[in-house]
Amino acid sequence: MERKYNKQAKLNIRKGDVVKIIAGDSKGSQGRVLEVLRDKRRVLVEGVNMVSKHAKPNAKNTQGGIVKKEAPIHISNVMIIDGKGKPTRTGRKQDGNKLVRYFKSTGEVIK
């Protein structure tokens, strides 16, 4: 069902979360989320899905050449890792007057 007012999707993974890759070429590896691309439903994970890009010489990279960098991976291919190192699903619940995320497997509040 499409959201009525806020058209951007509400995603369960945020910048800074430690995630495990559950599908694709990098399956089994884990890393920290560097960026969440909400409109494309993709995430950049540190050290995962590395690609080679040809870069022109510029002020930052005077030599130019081939640069290795992370490419976005679809958000359905990652799962957040709980305190014990296992991939788990997340939920939201009221904690007093504040809405917090929690691990569904342990019930522990995230951050």
N, C-alpha and C. Protein backbone atom coordinates (compact mmCIF):
# COMPACT_ATOMS: atom_id res chain seq x y z
N MET A 1 0.84 -1.19 0.00
CA MET A 1 0.00 0.00 0.00
C MET A 1 0.88 1.25 0.00
N GLU A 2 0.55 2.19 -0.84
CA GLU A 2 1.35 3.40 -0.97
C GLU A 2 1.05 4.35 0.18
N ARG A 3 2.11 5.01 0.65
CA ARG A 3 1.94 5.97 1.74
C ARG A 3 1.21 7.21 1.22
N LYS A 4 0.32 7.75 2.02
CA LYS A 4 -0.55 8.83 1.57
C LYS A 4 0.16 10.19 1.54
N TYR A 5 0.90 10.52 2.61
CA TYR A 5 1.49 11.85 2.70
C TYR A 5 2.99 11.85 2.43
N ASN A 6 3.74 11.13 3.22
CA ASN A 6 5.19 11.08 3.03
C ASN A 6 5.49 9.96 2.05
N LYS A 7 5.86 10.30 0.83
CA LYS A 7 6.03 9.32 -0.24
C LYS A 7 7.31 8.49 -0.09
N GLN A 8 8.28 8.95 0.72
CA GLN A 8 9.50 8.19 0.90
C GLN A 8 9.23 6.97 1.76
N ALA A 9 9.83 5.85 1.40
CA ALA A 9 9.61 4.60 2.13
C ALA A 9 10.26 4.66 3.50
N LYS A 10 9.62 4.04 4.49
CA LYS A 10 10.19 3.94 5.83
C LYS A 10 11.02 2.67 5.87
N LEU A 11 12.31 2.80 6.06
CA LEU A 11 13.22 1.66 6.01
C LEU A 11 13.68 1.28 7.41
N ASN A 12 14.01 0.01 7.60
CA ASN A 12 14.39 -0.50 8.92
C ASN A 12 15.88 -0.35 9.21
N ILE A 13 16.66 0.04 8.23
CA ILE A 13 18.11 0.15 8.40
C ILE A 13 18.51 1.61 8.28
N ARG A 14 19.41 2.04 9.18
CA ARG A 14 19.86 3.42 9.21
C ARG A 14 21.37 3.49 9.07
N LYS A 15 21.86 4.68 8.80
CA LYS A 15 23.29 4.94 8.72
C LYS A 15 23.94 4.60 10.06
N GLY A 16 25.05 3.88 10.01
CA GLY A 16 25.76 3.52 11.24
C GLY A 16 25.43 2.12 11.76
N ASP A 17 24.36 1.49 11.27
CA ASP A 17 24.02 0.14 11.70
C ASP A 17 25.03 -0.86 11.15
N VAL A 18 25.30 -1.92 11.91
CA VAL A 18 26.14 -3.01 11.42
C VAL A 18 25.22 -4.05 10.82
N VAL A 19 25.47 -4.39 9.54
CA VAL A 19 24.58 -5.30 8.82
C VAL A 19 25.36 -6.47 8.25
N LYS A 20 24.63 -7.56 7.96
CA LYS A 20 25.19 -8.74 7.30
C LYS A 20 24.53 -8.88 5.94
N ILE A 21 25.32 -9.22 4.93
CA ILE A 21 24.80 -9.41 3.58
C ILE A 21 24.24 -10.83 3.50
N ILE A 22 22.95 -10.95 3.11
CA ILE A 22 22.30 -12.26 3.10
C ILE A 22 22.08 -12.80 1.69
N ALA A 23 22.41 -12.01 0.66
CA ALA A 23 22.25 -12.47 -0.72
C ALA A 23 23.20 -11.72 -1.63
N GLY A 24 23.55 -12.35 -2.74
CA GLY A 24 24.39 -11.70 -3.74
C GLY A 24 25.84 -12.18 -3.66
N ASP A 25 26.72 -11.51 -4.41
CA ASP A 25 28.13 -11.90 -4.49
C ASP A 25 28.85 -11.76 -3.16
N SER A 26 28.47 -10.80 -2.34
CA SER A 26 29.14 -10.53 -1.07
C SER A 26 28.45 -11.24 0.10
N LYS A 27 27.67 -12.27 -0.18
CA LYS A 27 26.90 -12.98 0.85
C LYS A 27 27.81 -13.46 1.99
N GLY A 28 27.38 -13.21 3.22
CA GLY A 28 28.13 -13.64 4.39
C GLY A 28 29.01 -12.57 4.99
N SER A 29 29.37 -11.55 4.21
CA SER A 29 30.22 -10.49 4.75
C SER A 29 29.37 -9.49 5.52
N GLN A 30 30.03 -8.71 6.37
CA GLN A 30 29.30 -7.72 7.14
C GLN A 30 30.10 -6.43 7.20
N GLY A 31 29.39 -5.34 7.51
CA GLY A 31 30.03 -4.03 7.59
C GLY A 31 29.06 -2.99 8.09
N ARG A 32 29.58 -1.79 8.26
CA ARG A 32 28.78 -0.67 8.76
C ARG A 32 28.15 0.07 7.59
N VAL A 33 26.90 0.51 7.76
CA VAL A 33 26.18 1.24 6.71
C VAL A 33 26.74 2.66 6.65
N LEU A 34 27.22 3.06 5.47
CA LEU A 34 27.77 4.40 5.28
C LEU A 34 26.71 5.40 4.85
N GLU A 35 25.74 4.92 4.04
CA GLU A 35 24.72 5.82 3.51
C GLU A 35 23.49 5.00 3.12
N VAL A 36 22.32 5.60 3.30
CA VAL A 36 21.06 4.97 2.89
C VAL A 36 20.45 5.82 1.79
N LEU A 37 20.21 5.21 0.63
CA LEU A 37 19.60 5.90 -0.51
C LEU A 37 18.12 5.51 -0.51
N ARG A 38 17.30 6.31 0.16
CA ARG A 38 15.90 5.96 0.39
C ARG A 38 15.08 5.87 -0.89
N ASP A 39 15.33 6.79 -1.81
CA ASP A 39 14.53 6.80 -3.04
C ASP A 39 14.81 5.58 -3.92
N LYS A 40 16.02 5.04 -3.86
CA LYS A 40 16.38 3.87 -4.67
C LYS A 40 16.31 2.57 -3.86
N ARG A 41 16.02 2.66 -2.56
CA ARG A 41 15.96 1.50 -1.65
C ARG A 41 17.27 0.74 -1.63
N ARG A 42 18.38 1.46 -1.54
CA ARG A 42 19.71 0.85 -1.54
C ARG A 42 20.54 1.42 -0.39
N VAL A 43 21.59 0.66 -0.02
CA VAL A 43 22.50 1.10 1.03
C VAL A 43 23.94 0.93 0.58
N LEU A 44 24.83 1.78 1.09
CA LEU A 44 26.26 1.63 0.89
C LEU A 44 26.83 1.02 2.16
N VAL A 45 27.48 -0.14 2.03
CA VAL A 45 28.04 -0.83 3.18
C VAL A 45 29.56 -0.81 3.06
N GLU A 46 30.23 -0.47 4.15
CA GLU A 46 31.68 -0.33 4.19
C GLU A 46 32.38 -1.63 3.81
N GLY A 47 33.20 -1.61 2.76
CA GLY A 47 33.99 -2.76 2.35
C GLY A 47 33.24 -3.85 1.62
N VAL A 48 32.00 -3.60 1.23
CA VAL A 48 31.18 -4.62 0.57
C VAL A 48 30.79 -4.13 -0.83
N ASN A 49 30.73 -5.05 -1.80
CA ASN A 49 30.35 -4.74 -3.18
C ASN A 49 31.29 -3.70 -3.79
N MET A 50 32.59 -3.98 -3.70
CA MET A 50 33.61 -3.05 -4.21
C MET A 50 33.66 -3.12 -5.74
N VAL A 51 33.74 -1.95 -6.37
CA VAL A 51 33.85 -1.85 -7.82
C VAL A 51 35.03 -0.97 -8.19
N SER A 52 35.55 -1.13 -9.41
CA SER A 52 36.66 -0.32 -9.89
C SER A 52 36.10 0.78 -10.78
N LYS A 53 36.46 2.02 -10.48
CA LYS A 53 36.02 3.16 -11.27
C LYS A 53 37.25 3.84 -11.87
N HIS A 54 37.15 4.25 -13.12
CA HIS A 54 38.23 5.01 -13.75
C HIS A 54 38.05 6.48 -13.41
N ALA A 55 39.10 7.07 -12.83
CA ALA A 55 39.01 8.46 -12.37
C ALA A 55 39.99 9.34 -13.13
N LYS A 56 39.49 10.49 -13.56
CA LYS A 56 40.36 11.48 -14.20
C LYS A 56 41.22 12.16 -13.14
N PRO A 57 42.39 12.65 -13.51
CA PRO A 57 43.18 13.41 -12.54
C PRO A 57 42.44 14.70 -12.13
N ASN A 58 42.45 14.99 -10.85
CA ASN A 58 41.85 16.23 -10.34
C ASN A 58 42.64 16.69 -9.12
N ALA A 59 42.16 17.72 -8.45
CA ALA A 59 42.90 18.28 -7.31
C ALA A 59 43.02 17.27 -6.18
N LYS A 60 42.00 16.48 -5.97
CA LYS A 60 42.02 15.50 -4.88
C LYS A 60 42.87 14.28 -5.24
N ASN A 61 42.77 13.83 -6.49
CA ASN A 61 43.51 12.67 -6.97
C ASN A 61 44.34 13.11 -8.17
N THR A 62 45.55 13.60 -7.91
CA THR A 62 46.37 14.19 -8.98
C THR A 62 46.82 13.15 -10.01
N GLN A 63 46.99 11.90 -9.60
CA GLN A 63 47.45 10.86 -10.50
C GLN A 63 46.34 10.33 -11.40
N GLY A 64 45.10 10.26 -10.86
CA GLY A 64 44.02 9.64 -11.62
C GLY A 64 44.16 8.13 -11.55
N GLY A 65 43.57 7.41 -12.50
CA GLY A 65 43.72 5.96 -12.56
C GLY A 65 42.47 5.23 -12.09
N ILE A 66 42.66 3.98 -11.66
CA ILE A 66 41.54 3.14 -11.25
C ILE A 66 41.39 3.22 -9.73
N VAL A 67 40.18 3.53 -9.29
CA VAL A 67 39.88 3.70 -7.87
C VAL A 67 38.85 2.65 -7.46
N LYS A 68 39.10 1.98 -6.33
CA LYS A 68 38.15 1.02 -5.77
C LYS A 68 37.21 1.76 -4.83
N LYS A 69 35.89 1.51 -4.97
CA LYS A 69 34.93 2.14 -4.08
C LYS A 69 33.71 1.24 -3.92
N GLU A 70 32.91 1.52 -2.87
CA GLU A 70 31.72 0.73 -2.61
C GLU A 70 30.60 1.12 -3.57
N ALA A 71 29.84 0.12 -4.01
CA ALA A 71 28.66 0.36 -4.83
C ALA A 71 27.44 0.05 -3.97
N PRO A 72 26.30 0.69 -4.25
CA PRO A 72 25.09 0.43 -3.47
C PRO A 72 24.59 -1.01 -3.64
N ILE A 73 23.99 -1.53 -2.59
CA ILE A 73 23.41 -2.87 -2.60
C ILE A 73 21.95 -2.73 -2.16
N HIS A 74 21.07 -3.53 -2.72
CA HIS A 74 19.65 -3.40 -2.41
C HIS A 74 19.38 -3.71 -0.95
N ILE A 75 18.48 -2.95 -0.33
CA ILE A 75 18.23 -3.05 1.10
C ILE A 75 17.63 -4.39 1.50
N SER A 76 17.00 -5.09 0.55
CA SER A 76 16.44 -6.41 0.87
C SER A 76 17.53 -7.47 1.03
N ASN A 77 18.74 -7.17 0.60
CA ASN A 77 19.85 -8.13 0.69
C ASN A 77 20.69 -7.97 1.94
N VAL A 78 20.27 -7.10 2.87
CA VAL A 78 21.01 -6.91 4.12
C VAL A 78 20.09 -7.07 5.31
N MET A 79 20.66 -7.54 6.43
CA MET A 79 19.93 -7.66 7.70
C MET A 79 20.79 -7.08 8.80
N ILE A 80 20.15 -6.38 9.73
CA ILE A 80 20.86 -5.78 10.85
C ILE A 80 21.33 -6.87 11.81
N ILE A 81 22.49 -6.66 12.43
CA ILE A 81 23.06 -7.63 13.36
C ILE A 81 22.80 -7.18 14.78
N ASP A 82 22.32 -8.13 15.63
CA ASP A 82 22.06 -7.79 17.04
C ASP A 82 23.35 -7.87 17.85
N GLY A 83 23.25 -7.70 19.16
CA GLY A 83 24.42 -7.68 20.03
C GLY A 83 25.19 -8.99 20.06
N LYS A 84 24.55 -10.11 19.74
CA LYS A 84 25.20 -11.41 19.76
C LYS A 84 25.82 -11.77 18.42
N GLY A 85 25.68 -10.90 17.41
CA GLY A 85 26.27 -11.14 16.10
C GLY A 85 25.39 -11.92 15.15
N LYS A 86 24.09 -12.05 15.47
CA LYS A 86 23.18 -12.78 14.59
C LYS A 86 22.30 -11.79 13.83
N PRO A 87 22.00 -12.09 12.53
CA PRO A 87 21.07 -11.23 11.78
C PRO A 87 19.67 -11.36 12.36
N THR A 88 18.97 -10.25 12.47
CA THR A 88 17.64 -10.27 13.04
C THR A 88 16.77 -9.21 12.40
N ARG A 89 15.46 -9.35 12.60
CA ARG A 89 14.52 -8.33 12.12
C ARG A 89 14.36 -7.27 13.19
N THR A 90 13.83 -6.11 12.77
CA THR A 90 13.62 -5.02 13.73
C THR A 90 12.16 -4.63 13.76
N GLY A 91 11.78 -3.98 14.84
CA GLY A 91 10.43 -3.46 14.98
C GLY A 91 10.49 -2.10 15.66
N ARG A 92 9.33 -1.50 15.84
CA ARG A 92 9.24 -0.20 16.53
C ARG A 92 8.24 -0.33 17.66
N LYS A 93 8.55 0.33 18.79
CA LYS A 93 7.62 0.34 19.91
C LYS A 93 7.79 1.63 20.69
N GLN A 94 6.76 1.97 21.46
CA GLN A 94 6.79 3.16 22.30
C GLN A 94 7.60 2.86 23.55
N ASP A 95 8.57 3.71 23.85
CA ASP A 95 9.34 3.61 25.08
C ASP A 95 9.12 4.92 25.83
N GLY A 96 8.11 4.91 26.69
CA GLY A 96 7.72 6.16 27.34
C GLY A 96 6.99 7.02 26.34
N ASN A 97 7.61 8.15 25.99
CA ASN A 97 7.00 9.08 25.04
C ASN A 97 7.73 9.06 23.70
N LYS A 98 8.66 8.10 23.54
CA LYS A 98 9.52 8.08 22.37
C LYS A 98 9.35 6.77 21.60
N LEU A 99 9.38 6.82 20.27
CA LEU A 99 9.31 5.64 19.43
C LEU A 99 10.73 5.14 19.19
N VAL A 100 11.02 3.88 19.57
CA VAL A 100 12.37 3.32 19.45
C VAL A 100 12.35 2.06 18.61
N ARG A 101 13.52 1.74 18.02
CA ARG A 101 13.66 0.49 17.27
C ARG A 101 14.17 -0.59 18.23
N TYR A 102 13.75 -1.85 17.99
CA TYR A 102 14.23 -2.94 18.82
C TYR A 102 14.44 -4.19 17.97
N PHE A 103 15.29 -5.11 18.49
CA PHE A 103 15.52 -6.38 17.82
C PHE A 103 14.37 -7.32 18.16
N LYS A 104 13.75 -7.91 17.13
CA LYS A 104 12.61 -8.79 17.37
C LYS A 104 13.04 -10.09 18.03
N SER A 105 14.27 -10.55 17.81
CA SER A 105 14.71 -11.82 18.38
C SER A 105 14.95 -11.71 19.89
N THR A 106 15.53 -10.59 20.34
CA THR A 106 15.88 -10.46 21.76
C THR A 106 15.00 -9.46 22.51
N GLY A 107 14.37 -8.55 21.78
CA GLY A 107 13.57 -7.51 22.42
C GLY A 107 14.40 -6.33 22.89
N GLU A 108 15.70 -6.37 22.65
CA GLU A 108 16.63 -5.33 23.08
C GLU A 108 16.45 -4.08 22.21
N VAL A 109 16.50 -2.90 22.85
CA VAL A 109 16.37 -1.64 22.13
C VAL A 109 17.67 -1.33 21.40
N ILE A 110 17.57 -0.86 20.16
CA ILE A 110 18.74 -0.52 19.35
C ILE A 110 19.25 0.87 19.73
N LYS A 111 20.51 0.94 20.14
CA LYS A 111 21.18 2.18 20.56
C LYS A 111 20.41 2.83 21.67
